[in-house]
Amino acid sequence: MKQSHIYAFLGGVLVGGIIALLFAPDEGTETKKKLCRKIEEDNHFTKEQIEHLLNYLKRKVLEGIDGLEEEIANLEEQLENINKNIKNE
């Protein structure tokens, strides 16, 4: 990236920040309080989502383990049958 593009980008960020501060509807302390409340709400929501996802994954792993155990039992039975057939021949 050219150096002039970087300066243009940083200048835009600076101007945008100044405009945002000038036209902000609330004082800084009130905005901070609102942001903190929003972060706490989102944090709680995120924790619930993570717990839901973990429960879902645990369920799927257990289902997978059950399926694998069934598959292993089937394969063991097939191997026993093959072994019996080999001995009989």
PDB file of N, CA and C in Angstrom:
ATOM      1  N   MET A   1       0.861  -1.175   0.000  1.00  0.00           N
ATOM      2  CA  MET A   1       0.000   0.000   0.000  1.00  0.00           C
ATOM      3  C   MET A   1       0.902   1.231   0.000  1.00  0.00           C
ATOM      4  N   LYS A   2       0.525   2.204  -0.797  1.00  0.00           N
ATOM      5  CA  LYS A   2       1.323   3.424  -0.874  1.00  0.00           C
ATOM      6  C   LYS A   2       1.173   4.228   0.405  1.00  0.00           C
ATOM      7  N   GLN A   3       2.220   4.991   0.690  1.00  0.00           N
ATOM      8  CA  GLN A   3       2.223   5.794   1.906  1.00  0.00           C
ATOM      9  C   GLN A   3       1.124   6.852   1.867  1.00  0.00           C
ATOM     10  N   SER A   4       0.819   7.388   0.712  1.00  0.00           N
ATOM     11  CA  SER A   4      -0.229   8.407   0.611  1.00  0.00           C
ATOM     12  C   SER A   4      -1.595   7.816   0.945  1.00  0.00           C
ATOM     13  N   HIS A   5      -1.802   6.529   0.591  1.00  0.00           N
ATOM     14  CA  HIS A   5      -3.065   5.874   0.936  1.00  0.00           C
ATOM     15  C   HIS A   5      -3.204   5.700   2.442  1.00  0.00           C
ATOM     16  N   ILE A   6      -2.099   5.393   3.074  1.00  0.00           N
ATOM     17  CA  ILE A   6      -2.121   5.217   4.535  1.00  0.00           C
ATOM     18  C   ILE A   6      -2.471   6.538   5.212  1.00  0.00           C
ATOM     19  N   TYR A   7      -1.847   7.624   4.760  1.00  0.00           N
ATOM     20  CA  TYR A   7      -2.146   8.934   5.338  1.00  0.00           C
ATOM     21  C   TYR A   7      -3.598   9.330   5.082  1.00  0.00           C
ATOM     22  N   ALA A   8      -4.104   9.031   3.901  1.00  0.00           N
ATOM     23  CA  ALA A   8      -5.499   9.349   3.588  1.00  0.00           C
ATOM     24  C   ALA A   8      -6.435   8.555   4.497  1.00  0.00           C
ATOM     25  N   PHE A   9      -6.105   7.287   4.708  1.00  0.00           N
ATOM     26  CA  PHE A   9      -6.926   6.452   5.583  1.00  0.00           C
ATOM     27  C   PHE A   9      -6.910   6.984   7.017  1.00  0.00           C
ATOM     28  N   LEU A  10      -5.728   7.266   7.539  1.00  0.00           N
ATOM     29  CA  LEU A  10      -5.616   7.782   8.912  1.00  0.00           C
ATOM     30  C   LEU A  10      -6.307   9.138   9.046  1.00  0.00           C
ATOM     31  N   GLY A  11      -6.195   9.972   8.022  1.00  0.00           N
ATOM     32  CA  GLY A  11      -6.888  11.264   8.039  1.00  0.00           C
ATOM     33  C   GLY A  11      -8.393  11.069   8.073  1.00  0.00           C
ATOM     34  N   GLY A  12      -8.894  10.115   7.298  1.00  0.00           N
ATOM     35  CA  GLY A  12     -10.325   9.827   7.297  1.00  0.00           C
ATOM     36  C   GLY A  12     -10.803   9.319   8.644  1.00  0.00           C
ATOM     37  N   VAL A  13      -9.993   8.469   9.261  1.00  0.00           N
ATOM     38  CA  VAL A  13     -10.343   7.959  10.597  1.00  0.00           C
ATOM     39  C   VAL A  13     -10.390   9.103  11.598  1.00  0.00           C
ATOM     40  N   LEU A  14      -9.428   9.987  11.538  1.00  0.00           N
ATOM     41  CA  LEU A  14      -9.371  11.122  12.456  1.00  0.00           C
ATOM     42  C   LEU A  14     -10.569  12.048  12.255  1.00  0.00           C
ATOM     43  N   VAL A  15     -10.864  12.398  11.024  1.00  0.00           N
ATOM     44  CA  VAL A  15     -12.000  13.279  10.737  1.00  0.00           C
ATOM     45  C   VAL A  15     -13.306  12.609  11.155  1.00  0.00           C
ATOM     46  N   GLY A  16     -13.448  11.322  10.855  1.00  0.00           N
ATOM     47  CA  GLY A  16     -14.656  10.592  11.243  1.00  0.00           C
ATOM     48  C   GLY A  16     -14.833  10.555  12.758  1.00  0.00           C
ATOM     49  N   GLY A  17     -13.740  10.355  13.477  1.00  0.00           N
ATOM     50  CA  GLY A  17     -13.813  10.345  14.936  1.00  0.00           C
ATOM     51  C   GLY A  17     -14.216  11.696  15.502  1.00  0.00           C
ATOM     52  N   ILE A  18     -13.664  12.746  14.954  1.00  0.00           N
ATOM     53  CA  ILE A  18     -14.004  14.096  15.425  1.00  0.00           C
ATOM     54  C   ILE A  18     -15.475  14.400  15.141  1.00  0.00           C
ATOM     55  N   ILE A  19     -15.940  14.062  13.957  1.00  0.00           N
ATOM     56  CA  ILE A  19     -17.348  14.303  13.617  1.00  0.00           C
ATOM     57  C   ILE A  19     -18.260  13.496  14.533  1.00  0.00           C
ATOM     58  N   ALA A  20     -17.872  12.256  14.795  1.00  0.00           N
ATOM     59  CA  ALA A  20     -18.687  11.416  15.678  1.00  0.00           C
ATOM     60  C   ALA A  20     -18.774  12.019  17.073  1.00  0.00           C
ATOM     61  N   LEU A  21     -17.670  12.555  17.577  1.00  0.00           N
ATOM     62  CA  LEU A  21     -17.686  13.180  18.903  1.00  0.00           C
ATOM     63  C   LEU A  21     -18.533  14.451  18.913  1.00  0.00           C
ATOM     64  N   LEU A  22     -18.456  15.234  17.855  1.00  0.00           N
ATOM     65  CA  LEU A  22     -19.212  16.484  17.804  1.00  0.00           C
ATOM     66  C   LEU A  22     -20.716  16.239  17.710  1.00  0.00           C
ATOM     67  N   PHE A  23     -21.114  15.208  17.021  1.00  0.00           N
ATOM     68  CA  PHE A  23     -22.527  14.955  16.805  1.00  0.00           C
ATOM     69  C   PHE A  23     -23.085  13.829  17.672  1.00  0.00           C
ATOM     70  N   ALA A  24     -22.317  13.394  18.640  1.00  0.00           N
ATOM     71  CA  ALA A  24     -22.782  12.321  19.524  1.00  0.00           C
ATOM     72  C   ALA A  24     -23.988  12.815  20.318  1.00  0.00           C
ATOM     73  N   PRO A  25     -25.038  11.989  20.447  1.00  0.00           N
ATOM     74  CA  PRO A  25     -26.248  12.440  21.129  1.00  0.00           C
ATOM     75  C   PRO A  25     -26.097  12.502  22.647  1.00  0.00           C
ATOM     76  N   ASP A  26     -25.161  11.790  23.210  1.00  0.00           N
ATOM     77  CA  ASP A  26     -25.006  11.750  24.666  1.00  0.00           C
ATOM     78  C   ASP A  26     -23.618  12.212  25.072  1.00  0.00           C
ATOM     79  N   GLU A  27     -23.493  12.479  26.378  1.00  0.00           N
ATOM     80  CA  GLU A  27     -22.174  12.807  26.919  1.00  0.00           C
ATOM     81  C   GLU A  27     -21.311  11.550  26.924  1.00  0.00           C
ATOM     82  N   GLY A  28     -20.021  11.746  27.063  1.00  0.00           N
ATOM     83  CA  GLY A  28     -19.088  10.627  27.064  1.00  0.00           C
ATOM     84  C   GLY A  28     -19.362   9.615  28.158  1.00  0.00           C
ATOM     85  N   THR A  29     -19.689  10.106  29.375  1.00  0.00           N
ATOM     86  CA  THR A  29     -19.937   9.174  30.479  1.00  0.00           C
ATOM     87  C   THR A  29     -21.184   8.339  30.220  1.00  0.00           C
ATOM     88  N   GLU A  30     -22.212   8.971  29.652  1.00  0.00           N
ATOM     89  CA  GLU A  30     -23.449   8.240  29.354  1.00  0.00           C
ATOM     90  C   GLU A  30     -23.202   7.220  28.248  1.00  0.00           C
ATOM     91  N   THR A  31     -22.420   7.614  27.258  1.00  0.00           N
ATOM     92  CA  THR A  31     -22.087   6.690  26.169  1.00  0.00           C
ATOM     93  C   THR A  31     -21.309   5.500  26.707  1.00  0.00           C
ATOM     94  N   LYS A  32     -20.367   5.753  27.620  1.00  0.00           N
ATOM     95  CA  LYS A  32     -19.596   4.665  28.234  1.00  0.00           C
ATOM     96  C   LYS A  32     -20.513   3.710  28.987  1.00  0.00           C
ATOM     97  N   LYS A  33     -21.469   4.273  29.724  1.00  0.00           N
ATOM     98  CA  LYS A  33     -22.410   3.429  30.467  1.00  0.00           C
ATOM     99  C   LYS A  33     -23.224   2.556  29.515  1.00  0.00           C
ATOM    100  N   LYS A  34     -23.699   3.179  28.429  1.00  0.00           N
ATOM    101  CA  LYS A  34     -24.477   2.423  27.442  1.00  0.00           C
ATOM    102  C   LYS A  34     -23.636   1.301  26.827  1.00  0.00           C
ATOM    103  N   LEU A  35     -22.389   1.633  26.500  1.00  0.00           N
ATOM    104  CA  LEU A  35     -21.510   0.624  25.917  1.00  0.00           C
ATOM    105  C   LEU A  35     -21.265  -0.526  26.894  1.00  0.00           C
ATOM    106  N   CYS A  36     -21.035  -0.185  28.160  1.00  0.00           N
ATOM    107  CA  CYS A  36     -20.801  -1.221  29.170  1.00  0.00           C
ATOM    108  C   CYS A  36     -22.024  -2.117  29.321  1.00  0.00           C
ATOM    109  N   ARG A  37     -23.213  -1.511  29.366  1.00  0.00           N
ATOM    110  CA  ARG A  37     -24.441  -2.313  29.469  1.00  0.00           C
ATOM    111  C   ARG A  37     -24.599  -3.238  28.271  1.00  0.00           C
ATOM    112  N   LYS A  38     -24.334  -2.700  27.090  1.00  0.00           N
ATOM    113  CA  LYS A  38     -24.470  -3.492  25.873  1.00  0.00           C
ATOM    114  C   LYS A  38     -23.471  -4.647  25.862  1.00  0.00           C
ATOM    115  N   ILE A  39     -22.251  -4.377  26.282  1.00  0.00           N
ATOM    116  CA  ILE A  39     -21.229  -5.430  26.339  1.00  0.00           C
ATOM    117  C   ILE A  39     -21.641  -6.515  27.323  1.00  0.00           C
ATOM    118  N   GLU A  40     -22.173  -6.122  28.483  1.00  0.00           N
ATOM    119  CA  GLU A  40     -22.618  -7.107  29.475  1.00  0.00           C
ATOM    120  C   GLU A  40     -23.769  -7.956  28.920  1.00  0.00           C
ATOM    121  N   GLU A  41     -24.715  -7.323  28.229  1.00  0.00           N
ATOM    122  CA  GLU A  41     -25.830  -8.067  27.634  1.00  0.00           C
ATOM    123  C   GLU A  41     -25.316  -9.049  26.582  1.00  0.00           C
ATOM    124  N   ASP A  42     -24.436  -8.567  25.724  1.00  0.00           N
ATOM    125  CA  ASP A  42     -23.893  -9.430  24.677  1.00  0.00           C
ATOM    126  C   ASP A  42     -23.047 -10.543  25.273  1.00  0.00           C
ATOM    127  N   ASN A  43     -22.321 -10.244  26.336  1.00  0.00           N
ATOM    128  CA  ASN A  43     -21.494 -11.240  27.004  1.00  0.00           C
ATOM    129  C   ASN A  43     -22.379 -12.357  27.553  1.00  0.00           C
ATOM    130  N   HIS A  44     -23.498 -11.990  28.173  1.00  0.00           N
ATOM    131  CA  HIS A  44     -24.430 -12.981  28.718  1.00  0.00           C
ATOM    132  C   HIS A  44     -25.002 -13.816  27.580  1.00  0.00           C
ATOM    133  N   PHE A  45     -25.386 -13.163  26.506  1.00  0.00           N
ATOM    134  CA  PHE A  45     -25.949 -13.855  25.348  1.00  0.00           C
ATOM    135  C   PHE A  45     -24.915 -14.810  24.758  1.00  0.00           C
ATOM    136  N   THR A  46     -23.679 -14.357  24.677  1.00  0.00           N
ATOM    137  CA  THR A  46     -22.613 -15.185  24.126  1.00  0.00           C
ATOM    138  C   THR A  46     -22.367 -16.400  25.006  1.00  0.00           C
ATOM    139  N   LYS A  47     -22.392 -16.230  26.322  1.00  0.00           N
ATOM    140  CA  LYS A  47     -22.199 -17.358  27.227  1.00  0.00           C
ATOM    141  C   LYS A  47     -23.297 -18.391  27.023  1.00  0.00           C
ATOM    142  N   GLU A  48     -24.529 -17.935  26.845  1.00  0.00           N
ATOM    143  CA  GLU A  48     -25.635 -18.854  26.597  1.00  0.00           C
ATOM    144  C   GLU A  48     -25.430 -19.594  25.284  1.00  0.00           C
ATOM    145  N   GLN A  49     -24.975 -18.888  24.261  1.00  0.00           N
ATOM    146  CA  GLN A  49     -24.734 -19.525  22.964  1.00  0.00           C
ATOM    147  C   GLN A  49     -23.629 -20.575  23.083  1.00  0.00           C
ATOM    148  N   ILE A  50     -22.580 -20.261  23.809  1.00  0.00           N
ATOM    149  CA  ILE A  50     -21.468 -21.195  23.970  1.00  0.00           C
ATOM    150  C   ILE A  50     -21.929 -22.430  24.731  1.00  0.00           C
ATOM    151  N   GLU A  51     -22.704 -22.235  25.792  1.00  0.00           N
ATOM    152  CA  GLU A  51     -23.218 -23.374  26.544  1.00  0.00           C
ATOM    153  C   GLU A  51     -24.109 -24.246  25.671  1.00  0.00           C
ATOM    154  N   HIS A  52     -24.955 -23.621  24.868  1.00  0.00           N
ATOM    155  CA  HIS A  52     -25.827 -24.368  23.961  1.00  0.00           C
ATOM    156  C   HIS A  52     -24.988 -25.161  22.955  1.00  0.00           C
ATOM    157  N   LEU A  53     -23.975 -24.519  22.390  1.00  0.00           N
ATOM    158  CA  LEU A  53     -23.112 -25.178  21.422  1.00  0.00           C
ATOM    159  C   LEU A  53     -22.363 -26.342  22.063  1.00  0.00           C
ATOM    160  N   LEU A  54     -21.844 -26.154  23.273  1.00  0.00           N
ATOM    161  CA  LEU A  54     -21.130 -27.228  23.960  1.00  0.00           C
ATOM    162  C   LEU A  54     -22.049 -28.411  24.234  1.00  0.00           C
ATOM    163  N   ASN A  55     -23.265 -28.139  24.675  1.00  0.00           N
ATOM    164  CA  ASN A  55     -24.222 -29.224  24.912  1.00  0.00           C
ATOM    165  C   ASN A  55     -24.531 -29.971  23.625  1.00  0.00           C
ATOM    166  N   TYR A  56     -24.703 -29.233  22.538  1.00  0.00           N
ATOM    167  CA  TYR A  56     -24.969 -29.842  21.241  1.00  0.00           C
ATOM    168  C   TYR A  56     -23.798 -30.736  20.821  1.00  0.00           C
ATOM    169  N   LEU A  57     -22.582 -30.207  20.968  1.00  0.00           N
ATOM    170  CA  LEU A  57     -21.404 -30.975  20.577  1.00  0.00           C
ATOM    171  C   LEU A  57     -21.228 -32.224  21.443  1.00  0.00           C
ATOM    172  N   LYS A  58     -21.478 -32.094  22.741  1.00  0.00           N
ATOM    173  CA  LYS A  58     -21.388 -33.255  23.631  1.00  0.00           C
ATOM    174  C   LYS A  58     -22.377 -34.331  23.195  1.00  0.00           C
ATOM    175  N   ARG A  59     -23.599 -33.894  22.878  1.00  0.00           N
ATOM    176  CA  ARG A  59     -24.632 -34.831  22.433  1.00  0.00           C
ATOM    177  C   ARG A  59     -24.191 -35.546  21.161  1.00  0.00           C
ATOM    178  N   LYS A  60     -23.642 -34.788  20.218  1.00  0.00           N
ATOM    179  CA  LYS A  60     -23.197 -35.372  18.958  1.00  0.00           C
ATOM    180  C   LYS A  60     -22.028 -36.331  19.173  1.00  0.00           C
ATOM    181  N   VAL A  61     -21.115 -35.980  20.063  1.00  0.00           N
ATOM    182  CA  VAL A  61     -19.986 -36.866  20.356  1.00  0.00           C
ATOM    183  C   VAL A  61     -20.491 -38.162  20.966  1.00  0.00           C
ATOM    184  N   LEU A  62     -21.421 -38.047  21.915  1.00  0.00           N
ATOM    185  CA  LEU A  62     -21.971 -39.262  22.532  1.00  0.00           C
ATOM    186  C   LEU A  62     -22.715 -40.108  21.507  1.00  0.00           C
ATOM    187  N   GLU A  63     -23.468 -39.467  20.628  1.00  0.00           N
ATOM    188  CA  GLU A  63     -24.143 -40.207  19.560  1.00  0.00           C
ATOM    189  C   GLU A  63     -23.114 -40.880  18.656  1.00  0.00           C
ATOM    190  N   GLY A  64     -22.045 -40.167  18.366  1.00  0.00           N
ATOM    191  CA  GLY A  64     -20.986 -40.729  17.529  1.00  0.00           C
ATOM    192  C   GLY A  64     -20.315 -41.913  18.192  1.00  0.00           C
ATOM    193  N   ILE A  65     -20.083 -41.799  19.502  1.00  0.00           N
ATOM    194  CA  ILE A  65     -19.469 -42.901  20.243  1.00  0.00           C
ATOM    195  C   ILE A  65     -20.389 -44.114  20.225  1.00  0.00           C
ATOM    196  N   ASP A  66     -21.676 -43.883  20.451  1.00  0.00           N
ATOM    197  CA  ASP A  66     -22.633 -44.991  20.406  1.00  0.00           C
ATOM    198  C   ASP A  66     -22.626 -45.646  19.031  1.00  0.00           C
ATOM    199  N   GLY A  67     -22.615 -44.822  17.992  1.00  0.00           N
ATOM    200  CA  GLY A  67     -22.588 -45.347  16.628  1.00  0.00           C
ATOM    201  C   GLY A  67     -21.317 -46.134  16.352  1.00  0.00           C
ATOM    202  N   LEU A  68     -20.189 -45.622  16.864  1.00  0.00           N
ATOM    203  CA  LEU A  68     -18.928 -46.329  16.680  1.00  0.00           C
ATOM    204  C   LEU A  68     -18.924 -47.663  17.420  1.00  0.00           C
ATOM    205  N   GLU A  69     -19.478 -47.663  18.623  1.00  0.00           N
ATOM    206  CA  GLU A  69     -19.529 -48.914  19.377  1.00  0.00           C
ATOM    207  C   GLU A  69     -20.356 -49.958  18.635  1.00  0.00           C
ATOM    208  N   GLU A  70     -21.469 -49.522  18.051  1.00  0.00           N
ATOM    209  CA  GLU A  70     -22.302 -50.442  17.263  1.00  0.00           C
ATOM    210  C   GLU A  70     -21.534 -50.937  16.046  1.00  0.00           C
ATOM    211  N   GLU A  71     -20.848 -50.030  15.379  1.00  0.00           N
ATOM    212  CA  GLU A  71     -20.081 -50.403  14.188  1.00  0.00           C
ATOM    213  C   GLU A  71     -18.958 -51.375  14.549  1.00  0.00           C
ATOM    214  N   ILE A  72     -18.284 -51.125  15.664  1.00  0.00           N
ATOM    215  CA  ILE A  72     -17.218 -52.030  16.105  1.00  0.00           C
ATOM    216  C   ILE A  72     -17.789 -53.406  16.410  1.00  0.00           C
ATOM    217  N   ALA A  73     -18.932 -53.456  17.085  1.00  0.00           N
ATOM    218  CA  ALA A  73     -19.565 -54.743  17.388  1.00  0.00           C
ATOM    219  C   ALA A  73     -19.923 -55.483  16.101  1.00  0.00           C
ATOM    220  N   ASN A  74     -20.445 -54.763  15.108  1.00  0.00           N
ATOM    221  CA  ASN A  74     -20.774 -55.377  13.820  1.00  0.00           C
ATOM    222  C   ASN A  74     -19.524 -55.913  13.121  1.00  0.00           C
ATOM    223  N   LEU A  75     -18.463 -55.127  13.148  1.00  0.00           N
ATOM    224  CA  LEU A  75     -17.218 -55.557  12.515  1.00  0.00           C
ATOM    225  C   LEU A  75     -16.624 -56.772  13.230  1.00  0.00           C
ATOM    226  N   GLU A  76     -16.698 -56.777  14.551  1.00  0.00           N
ATOM    227  CA  GLU A  76     -16.195 -57.933  15.304  1.00  0.00           C
ATOM    228  C   GLU A  76     -16.980 -59.185  14.939  1.00  0.00           C
ATOM    229  N   GLU A  77     -18.281 -59.030  14.807  1.00  0.00           N
ATOM    230  CA  GLU A  77     -19.120 -60.169  14.422  1.00  0.00           C
ATOM    231  C   GLU A  77     -18.762 -60.658  13.021  1.00  0.00           C
ATOM    232  N   GLN A  78     -18.558 -59.714  12.108  1.00  0.00           N
ATOM    233  CA  GLN A  78     -18.178 -60.094  10.746  1.00  0.00           C
ATOM    234  C   GLN A  78     -16.826 -60.801  10.731  1.00  0.00           C
ATOM    235  N   LEU A  79     -15.881 -60.307  11.522  1.00  0.00           N
ATOM    236  CA  LEU A  79     -14.569 -60.945  11.590  1.00  0.00           C
ATOM    237  C   LEU A  79     -14.673 -62.351  12.166  1.00  0.00           C
ATOM    238  N   GLU A  80     -15.503 -62.526  13.169  1.00  0.00           N
ATOM    239  CA  GLU A  80     -15.704 -63.861  13.740  1.00  0.00           C
ATOM    240  C   GLU A  80     -16.285 -64.802  12.687  1.00  0.00           C
ATOM    241  N   ASN A  81     -17.246 -64.338  11.919  1.00  0.00           N
ATOM    242  CA  ASN A  81     -17.845 -65.147  10.857  1.00  0.00           C
ATOM    243  C   ASN A  81     -16.802 -65.508   9.798  1.00  0.00           C
ATOM    244  N   ILE A  82     -15.977 -64.522   9.417  1.00  0.00           N
ATOM    245  CA  ILE A  82     -14.926 -64.793   8.432  1.00  0.00           C
ATOM    246  C   ILE A  82     -13.948 -65.821   8.990  1.00  0.00           C
ATOM    247  N   ASN A  83     -13.589 -65.646  10.251  1.00  0.00           N
ATOM    248  CA  ASN A  83     -12.638 -66.556  10.895  1.00  0.00           C
ATOM    249  C   ASN A  83     -13.218 -67.973  10.936  1.00  0.00           C
ATOM    250  N   LYS A  84     -14.509 -68.117  11.251  1.00  0.00           N
ATOM    251  CA  LYS A  84     -15.161 -69.423  11.276  1.00  0.00           C
ATOM    252  C   LYS A  84     -15.179 -70.039   9.875  1.00  0.00           C
ATOM    253  N   ASN A  85     -15.473 -69.212   8.878  1.00  0.00           N
ATOM    254  CA  ASN A  85     -15.502 -69.706   7.494  1.00  0.00           C
ATOM    255  C   ASN A  85     -14.128 -70.200   7.048  1.00  0.00           C
ATOM    256  N   ILE A  86     -13.101 -69.484   7.455  1.00  0.00           N
ATOM    257  CA  ILE A  86     -11.736 -69.872   7.087  1.00  0.00           C
ATOM    258  C   ILE A  86     -11.375 -71.202   7.738  1.00  0.00           C
ATOM    259  N   LYS A  87     -11.754 -71.359   9.020  1.00  0.00           N
ATOM    260  CA  LYS A  87     -11.447 -72.600   9.739  1.00  0.00           C
ATOM    261  C   LYS A  87     -12.220 -73.780   9.157  1.00  0.00           C
ATOM    262  N   ASN A  88     -13.432 -73.536   8.690  1.00  0.00           N
ATOM    263  CA  ASN A  88     -14.247 -74.616   8.130  1.00  0.00           C
ATOM    264  C   ASN A  88     -13.765 -75.057   6.751  1.00  0.00           C
ATOM    265  N   GLU A  89     -13.053 -74.211   6.053  1.00  0.00           N
ATOM    266  CA  GLU A  89     -12.608 -74.568   4.705  1.00  0.00           C
ATOM    267  C   GLU A  89     -11.382 -75.383   4.740  1.00  0.00           C
TER     268      GLU A  89
END
